[in-house]
Protein backbone atom coordinates (compact mmCIF):
# COMPACT_ATOMS: atom_id res chain seq x y z
CA UNK A 1 23.84 115.49 -23.11
CA UNK A 2 24.80 119.00 -24.00
CA UNK A 3 22.65 121.55 -22.13
CA UNK A 4 21.79 123.45 -25.40
CA UNK A 5 20.55 120.26 -27.14
CA UNK A 6 18.37 119.21 -24.06
CA UNK A 7 16.97 122.55 -24.03
CA UNK A 8 16.34 122.61 -27.72
CA UNK A 9 14.48 119.38 -27.39
CA UNK A 10 12.49 120.57 -24.55
CA UNK A 11 11.47 123.63 -26.29
CA UNK A 12 10.28 122.08 -29.44
CA UNK A 13 8.26 119.39 -27.46
CA UNK A 14 6.50 122.16 -25.54
CA UNK A 15 5.71 124.15 -28.78
CA UNK A 16 4.20 121.08 -30.32
CA UNK A 17 2.42 119.28 -27.28
CA UNK A 18 1.59 122.31 -25.16
CA UNK A 19 2.98 120.29 -22.43
CA UNK A 20 6.30 120.20 -20.46
CA UNK A 21 8.45 117.00 -21.09
CA UNK A 22 8.47 115.34 -17.59
CA UNK A 23 10.92 112.67 -18.77
CA UNK A 24 13.81 112.75 -21.37
CA UNK A 25 15.35 109.26 -22.08
CA UNK A 26 18.52 108.90 -24.35
CA UNK A 27 17.87 105.80 -26.48
CA UNK A 28 20.72 103.53 -27.38
CA UNK A 29 23.10 104.57 -30.00
CA UNK A 30 22.85 102.99 -33.45
CA UNK A 31 25.46 102.90 -36.36
CA UNK A 32 25.04 106.57 -37.08
CA UNK A 33 25.90 109.82 -35.53
CA UNK A 34 22.28 110.69 -34.77
CA UNK A 35 21.21 110.91 -31.28
CA UNK A 36 17.65 109.94 -30.59
CA UNK A 37 15.58 110.73 -27.28
CA UNK A 38 11.95 109.53 -25.87
CA UNK A 39 10.24 112.61 -24.38
CA UNK A 40 7.05 112.18 -22.36
CA UNK A 41 4.65 115.00 -21.31
CA UNK A 42 1.58 114.43 -19.24
CA UNK A 43 -0.41 112.80 -22.26
CA UNK A 44 1.95 112.82 -25.28
CA UNK A 45 5.09 111.19 -26.29
CA UNK A 46 7.47 111.64 -29.06
CA UNK A 47 10.92 110.74 -30.37
CA UNK A 48 13.39 113.68 -30.78
CA UNK A 49 16.24 113.42 -33.12
CA UNK A 50 19.37 115.49 -32.63
CA UNK A 51 21.58 115.47 -35.86
CA UNK A 52 24.20 118.01 -36.97
CA UNK A 53 23.83 116.99 -40.67
CA UNK A 54 21.38 119.56 -42.07
CA UNK A 55 21.14 117.93 -45.55
CA UNK A 56 20.31 114.57 -44.01
CA UNK A 57 17.71 116.18 -41.60
CA UNK A 58 15.85 117.76 -44.61
CA UNK A 59 15.89 114.48 -46.54
CA UNK A 60 14.21 112.58 -43.77
CA UNK A 61 11.59 115.36 -43.08
CA UNK A 62 10.76 115.64 -46.79
CA UNK A 63 10.74 111.92 -47.49
CA UNK A 64 8.57 111.42 -44.55
CA UNK A 65 5.95 113.85 -45.75
CA UNK A 66 6.09 112.42 -49.14
CA UNK A 67 5.51 108.86 -47.80
CA UNK A 68 2.59 109.99 -45.54
CA UNK A 69 0.88 111.59 -48.48
CA UNK A 70 1.17 108.09 -50.02
CA UNK A 71 -0.45 106.46 -47.00
CA UNK A 72 3.05 104.47 -46.39
CA UNK A 73 3.63 103.28 -42.70
CA UNK A 74 6.25 105.84 -41.69
CA UNK A 75 6.40 108.00 -38.55
CA UNK A 76 4.56 111.35 -38.63
CA UNK A 77 6.90 114.40 -38.25
CA UNK A 78 5.45 116.54 -35.48
CA UNK A 79 7.69 119.55 -35.31
CA UNK A 80 10.90 120.75 -36.78
CA UNK A 81 13.75 123.36 -35.93
CA UNK A 82 16.46 122.76 -38.51
CA UNK A 83 18.47 125.92 -37.07
CA UNK A 84 18.97 123.90 -33.97
CA UNK A 85 19.27 120.67 -35.68
CA UNK A 86 16.27 118.72 -34.03
CA UNK A 87 12.97 117.46 -35.15
CA UNK A 88 10.26 115.51 -33.34
CA UNK A 89 8.69 112.31 -34.73
CA UNK A 90 5.91 109.72 -33.92
CA UNK A 91 6.99 107.27 -31.27
CA UNK A 92 6.58 103.80 -32.74
CA UNK A 93 7.76 101.94 -29.63
CA UNK A 94 10.77 99.98 -29.00
CA UNK A 95 10.36 96.70 -31.04
CA UNK A 96 12.33 96.48 -34.22
CA UNK A 97 12.00 93.64 -36.63
CA UNK A 98 15.30 92.28 -35.46
CA UNK A 99 14.07 92.42 -31.76
CA UNK A 100 10.93 90.79 -32.97
CA UNK A 101 12.63 87.94 -34.76
CA UNK A 102 15.06 87.08 -31.90
CA UNK A 103 12.28 87.15 -29.42
CA UNK A 104 10.00 84.77 -31.50
CA UNK A 105 12.43 82.46 -32.95
CA UNK A 106 12.90 79.17 -31.06
CA UNK A 107 16.48 78.31 -31.61
CA UNK A 108 17.38 78.12 -35.44
CA UNK A 109 13.81 77.58 -36.43
CA UNK A 110 11.92 80.05 -38.35
CA UNK A 111 8.30 79.69 -37.70
CA UNK A 112 5.45 80.46 -40.12
CA UNK A 113 4.40 83.65 -38.04
CA UNK A 114 7.94 85.07 -38.71
CA UNK A 115 7.49 84.41 -42.46
CA UNK A 116 4.09 86.10 -42.44
CA UNK A 117 5.40 89.35 -40.87
CA UNK A 118 8.26 89.39 -43.31
CA UNK A 119 5.62 89.04 -46.19
CA UNK A 120 3.90 92.14 -44.86
CA UNK A 121 7.37 94.09 -44.71
CA UNK A 122 7.99 92.87 -48.54
CA UNK A 123 4.26 93.86 -49.52
CA UNK A 124 5.19 97.27 -48.17
CA UNK A 125 8.67 97.37 -49.78
CA UNK A 126 6.86 96.90 -53.25
CA UNK A 127 4.62 100.15 -52.17
CA UNK A 128 7.67 102.06 -51.33
CA UNK A 129 9.30 101.16 -54.65
CA UNK A 130 6.32 101.70 -56.89
CA UNK A 131 3.90 104.16 -55.15
CA UNK A 132 6.69 105.89 -53.18
CA UNK A 133 8.50 106.57 -56.65
CA UNK A 134 5.61 108.51 -57.73
CA UNK A 135 6.15 112.27 -57.54
CA UNK A 136 9.16 111.67 -55.41
CA UNK A 137 11.65 114.66 -55.24
CA UNK A 138 15.02 113.32 -55.75
CA UNK A 139 16.71 116.61 -55.29
CA UNK A 140 16.34 116.12 -51.40
CA UNK A 141 18.45 112.97 -51.59
CA UNK A 142 21.59 112.93 -49.72
CA UNK A 143 24.60 112.40 -50.52
CA UNK A 144 23.45 111.35 -54.04
CA UNK A 145 20.19 111.41 -55.90
CA UNK A 146 20.77 107.75 -57.41
CA UNK A 147 22.67 104.67 -56.60
CA UNK A 148 24.73 105.10 -59.56
CA UNK A 149 28.23 104.08 -60.46
CA UNK A 150 29.93 106.52 -58.18
CA UNK A 151 27.62 105.42 -55.03
CA UNK A 152 28.67 101.77 -56.07
CA UNK A 153 32.28 102.59 -56.18
CA UNK A 154 32.18 104.36 -52.85
CA UNK A 155 30.53 101.15 -51.24
CA UNK A 156 33.11 98.89 -52.98
CA UNK A 157 36.00 100.86 -51.90
CA UNK A 158 34.51 101.29 -48.36
CA UNK A 159 34.59 97.36 -48.29
CA UNK A 160 38.16 97.33 -49.53
CA UNK A 161 39.67 99.94 -47.15
CA UNK A 162 37.71 99.23 -44.03
CA UNK A 163 37.05 95.46 -44.25
CA UNK A 164 39.73 93.83 -46.35
CA UNK A 165 42.56 96.16 -45.29
CA UNK A 166 41.75 95.93 -41.62
CA UNK A 167 41.02 92.30 -41.72
CA UNK A 168 44.49 91.66 -43.47
CA UNK A 169 43.07 90.02 -46.61
CA UNK A 170 45.68 90.39 -49.39
CA UNK A 171 44.47 91.78 -52.87
CA UNK A 172 45.92 93.34 -55.98
CA UNK A 173 44.81 96.85 -55.99
CA UNK A 174 44.44 97.50 -59.83
CA UNK A 175 43.03 94.09 -60.35
CA UNK A 176 40.29 94.52 -57.75
CA UNK A 177 39.73 98.08 -58.86
CA UNK A 178 39.23 96.61 -62.57
CA UNK A 179 36.72 94.10 -61.10
CA UNK A 180 34.90 96.88 -59.25
CA UNK A 181 34.35 98.74 -62.28
CA UNK A 182 33.16 95.69 -64.25
CA UNK A 183 30.79 94.80 -61.34
CA UNK A 184 29.23 98.28 -61.17
CA UNK A 185 28.71 98.21 -65.02
CA UNK A 186 26.86 94.87 -64.72
CA UNK A 187 24.64 95.94 -61.86
CA UNK A 188 23.66 99.12 -63.81
CA UNK A 189 22.23 97.05 -66.71
CA UNK A 190 18.94 96.89 -65.01
CA UNK A 191 16.24 99.62 -64.65
CA UNK A 192 17.24 101.87 -61.83
CA UNK A 193 14.28 104.29 -61.68
CA UNK A 194 12.66 103.15 -58.52
CA UNK A 195 12.79 104.48 -55.02
CA UNK A 196 15.75 102.66 -53.24
CA UNK A 197 15.37 102.73 -49.52
CA UNK A 198 19.16 102.22 -49.19
CA UNK A 199 19.18 100.73 -45.58
CA UNK A 200 16.30 98.25 -45.71
CA UNK A 201 17.24 96.02 -42.80
CA UNK A 202 15.48 94.64 -39.71
CA UNK A 203 16.76 97.41 -37.55
CA UNK A 204 14.97 100.18 -39.46
CA UNK A 205 11.71 98.33 -39.28
CA UNK A 206 9.38 98.64 -36.35
CA UNK A 207 6.69 96.38 -35.28
CA UNK A 208 3.69 97.86 -33.74
CA UNK A 209 0.56 96.00 -33.01
CA UNK A 210 1.56 93.24 -35.33
CA UNK A 211 2.10 95.75 -38.23
CA UNK A 212 5.53 97.10 -39.72
CA UNK A 213 6.54 100.65 -39.65
CA UNK A 214 9.57 102.18 -41.48
CA UNK A 215 12.25 104.52 -40.40
CA UNK A 216 15.79 105.74 -41.10
CA UNK A 217 15.16 106.04 -44.94
CA UNK A 218 17.05 109.34 -45.29
CA UNK A 219 19.59 107.80 -47.36
CA UNK A 220 17.04 106.88 -50.01
CA UNK A 221 17.88 107.54 -53.58
CA UNK A 222 16.66 106.26 -57.08
CA UNK A 223 18.01 102.73 -57.98
CA UNK A 224 17.12 99.11 -58.95
CA UNK A 225 14.38 96.96 -57.38
CA UNK A 226 16.71 94.28 -56.28
CA UNK A 227 18.82 96.20 -53.81
CA UNK A 228 16.41 96.49 -50.98
CA UNK A 229 15.06 92.93 -51.04
CA UNK A 230 18.58 91.76 -50.99
CA UNK A 231 19.38 94.21 -47.94
CA UNK A 232 16.27 92.60 -46.06
CA UNK A 233 16.78 88.97 -46.72
CA UNK A 234 20.51 89.00 -46.30
CA UNK A 235 20.50 91.16 -43.21
CA UNK A 236 23.57 89.42 -41.47
CA UNK A 237 22.33 88.96 -37.69
CA UNK A 238 18.82 88.44 -38.60
CA UNK A 239 20.12 85.12 -40.16
CA UNK A 240 17.03 83.99 -42.18
CA UNK A 241 17.50 80.38 -43.54
CA UNK A 242 18.17 80.17 -47.11
CA UNK A 243 15.02 78.18 -47.98
CA UNK A 244 12.99 80.92 -46.37
CA UNK A 245 14.96 83.72 -48.42
CA UNK A 246 14.06 81.87 -51.78
CA UNK A 247 10.37 81.68 -50.76
CA UNK A 248 10.12 85.15 -49.75
CA UNK A 249 11.93 86.27 -52.89
CA UNK A 250 9.21 84.57 -54.94
CA UNK A 251 6.50 86.06 -52.81
CA UNK A 252 8.20 89.47 -53.36
CA UNK A 253 8.06 88.92 -57.25
CA UNK A 254 4.29 87.90 -57.11
CA UNK A 255 3.40 91.06 -55.20
CA UNK A 256 5.54 93.43 -57.66
CA UNK A 257 3.86 91.52 -60.45
CA UNK A 258 0.51 93.01 -59.37
CA UNK A 259 1.95 96.48 -60.35
CA UNK A 260 4.11 95.80 -63.34
CA UNK A 261 5.16 92.96 -65.75
CA UNK A 262 8.23 91.27 -64.22
CA UNK A 263 10.63 89.07 -66.27
CA UNK A 264 11.48 86.61 -63.45
CA UNK A 265 14.55 85.33 -65.12
CA UNK A 266 16.14 88.77 -65.62
CA UNK A 267 15.21 89.86 -62.12
CA UNK A 268 16.96 86.79 -60.65
CA UNK A 269 19.90 87.21 -62.89
CA UNK A 270 20.83 90.52 -61.43
CA UNK A 271 19.25 89.80 -57.83
CA UNK A 272 22.58 87.91 -56.62
CA UNK A 273 24.77 90.64 -57.92
CA UNK A 274 22.97 93.11 -55.64
CA UNK A 275 23.14 90.61 -52.78
CA UNK A 276 26.78 90.47 -53.07
CA UNK A 277 27.26 94.46 -53.18
CA UNK A 278 25.04 94.64 -50.19
CA UNK A 279 26.92 92.21 -48.08
CA UNK A 280 30.21 93.95 -49.10
CA UNK A 281 28.64 97.19 -48.13
CA UNK A 282 27.70 95.75 -44.87
CA UNK A 283 31.04 94.28 -44.17
CA UNK A 284 32.72 97.84 -44.82
CA UNK A 285 30.36 99.01 -42.01
CA UNK A 286 31.28 96.17 -39.81
CA UNK A 287 34.89 97.02 -40.37
CA UNK A 288 34.65 100.77 -39.96
CA UNK A 289 32.56 100.56 -36.74
CA UNK A 290 34.17 97.58 -35.45
CA UNK A 291 37.88 97.38 -36.31
CA UNK A 292 38.27 101.15 -36.61
CA UNK A 293 36.03 102.72 -34.08
CA UNK A 294 36.25 99.74 -31.67
CA UNK A 295 32.54 99.18 -31.36
CA UNK A 296 33.09 95.53 -30.86
CA UNK A 297 29.39 94.52 -31.27
CA UNK A 298 29.61 95.24 -34.97
CA UNK A 299 32.21 92.52 -35.27
CA UNK A 300 29.58 89.83 -34.13
CA UNK A 301 27.73 90.12 -37.50
CA UNK A 302 31.01 89.20 -39.39
CA UNK A 303 30.63 85.45 -39.08
CA UNK A 304 26.89 85.76 -40.36
CA UNK A 305 27.98 87.77 -43.37
CA UNK A 306 30.86 85.26 -44.06
CA UNK A 307 28.19 82.56 -44.07
CA UNK A 308 26.24 84.31 -46.39
CA UNK A 309 29.25 84.86 -48.69
CA UNK A 310 30.03 81.23 -48.52
CA UNK A 311 26.48 80.40 -49.90
CA UNK A 312 26.89 82.77 -52.65
CA UNK A 313 30.28 81.50 -53.68
CA UNK A 314 29.30 77.83 -53.68
CA UNK A 315 25.88 78.37 -55.34
CA UNK A 316 25.78 81.22 -57.62
CA UNK A 317 27.54 82.13 -60.70
CA UNK A 318 27.32 85.77 -61.83
CA UNK A 319 27.37 86.21 -65.66
CA UNK A 320 30.43 88.50 -65.40
CA UNK A 321 33.97 87.59 -64.86
CA UNK A 322 35.60 89.04 -61.67
CA UNK A 323 38.52 86.93 -60.97
CA UNK A 324 40.31 88.98 -58.39
CA UNK A 325 37.07 89.82 -56.66
CA UNK A 326 36.35 86.31 -56.43
CA UNK A 327 39.65 85.32 -55.18
CA UNK A 328 39.67 87.91 -52.41
CA UNK A 329 36.23 86.81 -51.05
CA UNK A 330 37.35 83.25 -51.07
CA UNK A 331 40.41 84.19 -48.88
CA UNK A 332 37.91 86.27 -46.67
CA UNK A 333 35.81 83.31 -45.85
CA UNK A 334 39.11 81.17 -45.04
CA UNK A 335 40.85 83.91 -43.18
CA UNK A 336 42.44 82.82 -39.83
CA UNK A 337 42.04 86.56 -38.64
CA UNK A 338 38.29 86.43 -38.98
CA UNK A 339 37.99 82.84 -37.34
CA UNK A 340 38.87 84.36 -34.13
CA UNK A 341 35.29 85.86 -34.12
CA UNK A 342 32.69 83.36 -32.73
CA UNK A 343 30.80 81.31 -35.34
CA UNK A 344 27.07 81.35 -34.79
CA UNK A 345 25.49 77.90 -34.20
CA UNK A 346 23.55 76.82 -37.05
CA UNK A 347 23.53 73.10 -37.00
CA UNK A 348 21.13 70.82 -38.98
CA UNK A 349 18.64 69.23 -36.70
CA UNK A 350 17.59 65.83 -37.82
CA UNK A 351 14.41 64.72 -35.80
CA UNK A 352 14.03 61.01 -35.95
CA UNK A 353 10.66 59.64 -34.55
CA UNK A 354 9.48 55.95 -34.40
CA UNK A 355 5.57 55.72 -34.33
CA UNK A 356 2.60 53.34 -34.62
CA UNK A 357 0.51 53.69 -37.95
CA UNK A 358 -2.51 52.96 -35.74
CA UNK A 359 -2.07 56.38 -34.14
CA UNK A 360 -1.05 58.21 -37.24
CA UNK A 361 2.08 59.62 -38.99
CA UNK A 362 4.08 62.23 -36.75
CA UNK A 363 3.38 65.88 -37.11
CA UNK A 364 6.20 68.18 -38.48
CA UNK A 365 6.63 70.81 -35.67
CA UNK A 366 9.52 72.58 -37.30
CA UNK A 367 7.42 73.86 -40.18
CA UNK A 368 9.97 72.78 -42.72
CA UNK A 369 7.64 70.37 -44.31
CA UNK A 370 10.32 68.04 -45.62
CA UNK A 371 11.69 64.77 -44.88
CA UNK A 372 10.81 60.86 -45.05
CA UNK A 373 8.35 58.40 -43.56
CA UNK A 374 9.44 54.83 -43.74
CA UNK A 375 7.24 51.96 -43.44
CA UNK A 376 8.92 49.23 -41.47
CA UNK A 377 6.12 46.76 -41.68
CA UNK A 378 7.65 44.78 -44.52
CA UNK A 379 10.33 43.74 -42.10
CA UNK A 380 10.13 40.50 -39.91
CA UNK A 381 8.31 41.45 -36.71
CA UNK A 382 9.57 40.18 -33.35
CA UNK A 383 6.19 41.30 -31.67
CA UNK A 384 4.82 38.03 -32.97
CA UNK A 385 6.74 36.02 -30.54
CA UNK A 386 5.79 35.78 -26.83
CA UNK A 387 9.51 36.41 -25.47
CA UNK A 388 9.60 39.69 -27.43
CA UNK A 389 6.00 41.17 -26.43
CA UNK A 390 7.32 43.13 -23.33
CA UNK A 391 10.58 44.26 -24.98
CA UNK A 392 11.17 47.05 -27.41
CA UNK A 393 13.68 47.88 -30.31
CA UNK A 394 16.00 49.39 -27.65
CA UNK A 395 16.37 46.04 -25.51
CA UNK A 396 19.32 43.77 -26.07
CA UNK A 397 17.08 40.68 -27.16
CA UNK A 398 15.31 42.71 -29.83
CA UNK A 399 18.42 44.19 -31.08
CA UNK A 400 20.00 40.68 -31.49
CA UNK A 401 16.90 39.45 -33.36
CA UNK A 402 17.27 42.34 -35.78
CA UNK A 403 21.05 41.70 -36.19
CA UNK A 404 20.28 38.23 -37.74
CA UNK A 405 17.52 39.60 -40.05
CA UNK A 406 18.58 40.23 -43.63
CA UNK A 407 15.38 41.99 -44.24
CA UNK A 408 16.21 44.75 -41.72
CA UNK A 409 19.64 45.13 -42.92
CA UNK A 410 18.60 45.77 -46.45
CA UNK A 411 15.61 48.06 -45.31
CA UNK A 412 17.91 50.21 -43.32
CA UNK A 413 20.67 50.34 -45.87
CA UNK A 414 18.20 51.51 -48.67
CA UNK A 415 16.68 54.05 -46.18
CA UNK A 416 20.01 55.39 -45.18
CA UNK A 417 21.00 56.00 -48.78
CA UNK A 418 18.11 58.21 -49.29
CA UNK A 419 18.49 60.13 -46.02
CA UNK A 420 22.17 60.67 -46.55
CA UNK A 421 21.52 62.32 -49.81
CA UNK A 422 19.26 65.01 -48.24
CA UNK A 423 21.36 65.29 -45.27
CA UNK A 424 24.28 66.41 -47.44
CA UNK A 425 22.22 68.62 -49.71
CA UNK A 426 20.70 70.31 -46.53
CA UNK A 427 24.33 70.88 -45.05
CA UNK A 428 25.33 72.32 -48.27
CA UNK A 429 22.30 74.75 -48.45
CA UNK A 430 22.46 75.60 -44.72
CA UNK A 431 18.88 74.25 -44.24
CA UNK A 432 18.24 73.84 -40.40
CA UNK A 433 15.77 70.82 -40.23
CA UNK A 434 15.02 67.50 -41.55
CA UNK A 435 12.52 64.99 -40.38
CA UNK A 436 12.60 61.31 -40.53
CA UNK A 437 9.88 58.80 -39.36
CA UNK A 438 9.81 55.04 -39.04
CA UNK A 439 6.36 53.60 -38.48
CA UNK A 440 5.16 49.91 -37.70
CA UNK A 441 2.21 48.43 -36.34
CA UNK A 442 2.68 49.07 -32.64
CA UNK A 443 5.53 51.65 -32.71
CA UNK A 444 7.53 49.33 -30.35
CA UNK A 445 9.91 47.00 -32.02
CA UNK A 446 10.91 47.52 -35.64
CA UNK A 447 10.29 51.34 -35.87
CA UNK A 448 12.04 51.88 -32.60
CA UNK A 449 15.14 49.71 -33.77
CA UNK A 450 15.25 51.56 -37.15
CA UNK A 451 15.15 54.97 -35.46
CA UNK A 452 18.01 54.06 -32.96
CA UNK A 453 20.10 52.76 -35.85
CA UNK A 454 19.68 55.77 -38.03
CA UNK A 455 20.42 58.15 -35.07
CA UNK A 456 23.80 56.29 -34.40
CA UNK A 457 24.50 56.34 -38.14
CA UNK A 458 24.17 60.03 -38.70
CA UNK A 459 26.01 60.95 -35.45
CA UNK A 460 28.80 58.97 -36.60
CA UNK A 461 29.04 60.35 -40.11
CA UNK A 462 27.87 64.09 -39.91
CA UNK A 463 28.20 67.12 -37.66
CA UNK A 464 24.45 67.28 -37.08
CA UNK A 465 22.15 67.69 -34.08
CA UNK A 466 19.80 64.56 -33.38
CA UNK A 467 16.43 64.63 -31.64
CA UNK A 468 15.23 61.02 -31.18
CA UNK A 469 11.58 60.44 -30.38
CA UNK A 470 9.95 57.12 -29.47
CA UNK A 471 6.52 58.42 -29.58
CA UNK A 472 4.45 55.42 -28.35
CA UNK A 473 7.14 54.68 -25.70
CA UNK A 474 7.19 58.41 -24.59
CA UNK A 475 10.79 58.88 -25.00
CA UNK A 476 12.59 61.78 -26.41
CA UNK A 477 16.57 61.64 -26.61
CA UNK A 478 19.01 64.18 -27.73
């Protein structure tokens, strides 16, 4: 740290707190050129920001004052010395929403308590967009006062030159420029008179005592409602499952409807266009920071962004023809140059359980709430015969019994067809969990055999993870 920067920070802290700073800790660098420090005195603490961009400093300080007046959860500004490019803000701790998700997410699952915290975030987003827009002075915005055509073209060309070029994705310059112009015209057909946070993503949201607080909104400006929710839900490394994204979008619209009339079809019609431009903007940043500045951790987000693009290209049809852009995006998802980056593990897990109806239907621990329960009691039961009483559906003798039973063959064939339909759709939609349960009287013969056969069938046919549980036998197999 330069001596004059350190001295400026210490002087401002002393003036504000009346205490000497006994500790100054430089915080990890982010994606900007701002530098952050945690200062501690005998009883007080603050975050110091050093930034040589005066207009950006003014934007953050003025926006913070405005949002505080609207009772929005942003850091309080303690002291400012713009002549020395420093200011002090409230210390909201070290836990970002991204950190919170990673810490509380068991593997690929996305439990209910994480959905609940995201709902709190979305409620506050509505407040920023509606209450925050009231009396907002857009003259402090930097570098532009609106997410207008010029801003969009900047983002699109950022993507073109810092991602497509550096990732060696070929394109026709004029045709792509024409599509960019049509695309931005399409996006600007919606109402753009709301506060747009601009970088509304999980690393710019802090979690303190279970509640969200918001930082890094200095790039805010006037714009459309769809942009910020798209930014959050398609935040690359946060990797929110698609089904959760869909539910949260519906929740956001419900909350927005408490403040104004919402045409859901119109909102959704433009929503995925804003998802797309946000993904492209983020990929431009990954390319600039990763390919150009050689900050390799930014490149780790590329596989997640590509997965999001693949979902959009496979499931969404925008009501505007963009042939060159769509061709380029398809090429991007198939690029050998980009395949060298590690693809995140996001397999579909099929949990298959055998059980006894006497002890109740198995509970779905994934929180997915989907799947099947099949009743095997219509099939001939080997448990009626003395020689099979101590055996299970995993034993050779019982397996041979069922191999001779046409009832079992027909039962499994029918159940497999239904399960396959869901597996294929879940894989296509990038769902992460499917639960299948087979029940019989004792949970020993028919249900165990059925569960075993399904596990073998799915392993042979699909690239899925299998968790096989025989509840009444006390067995769990992977």
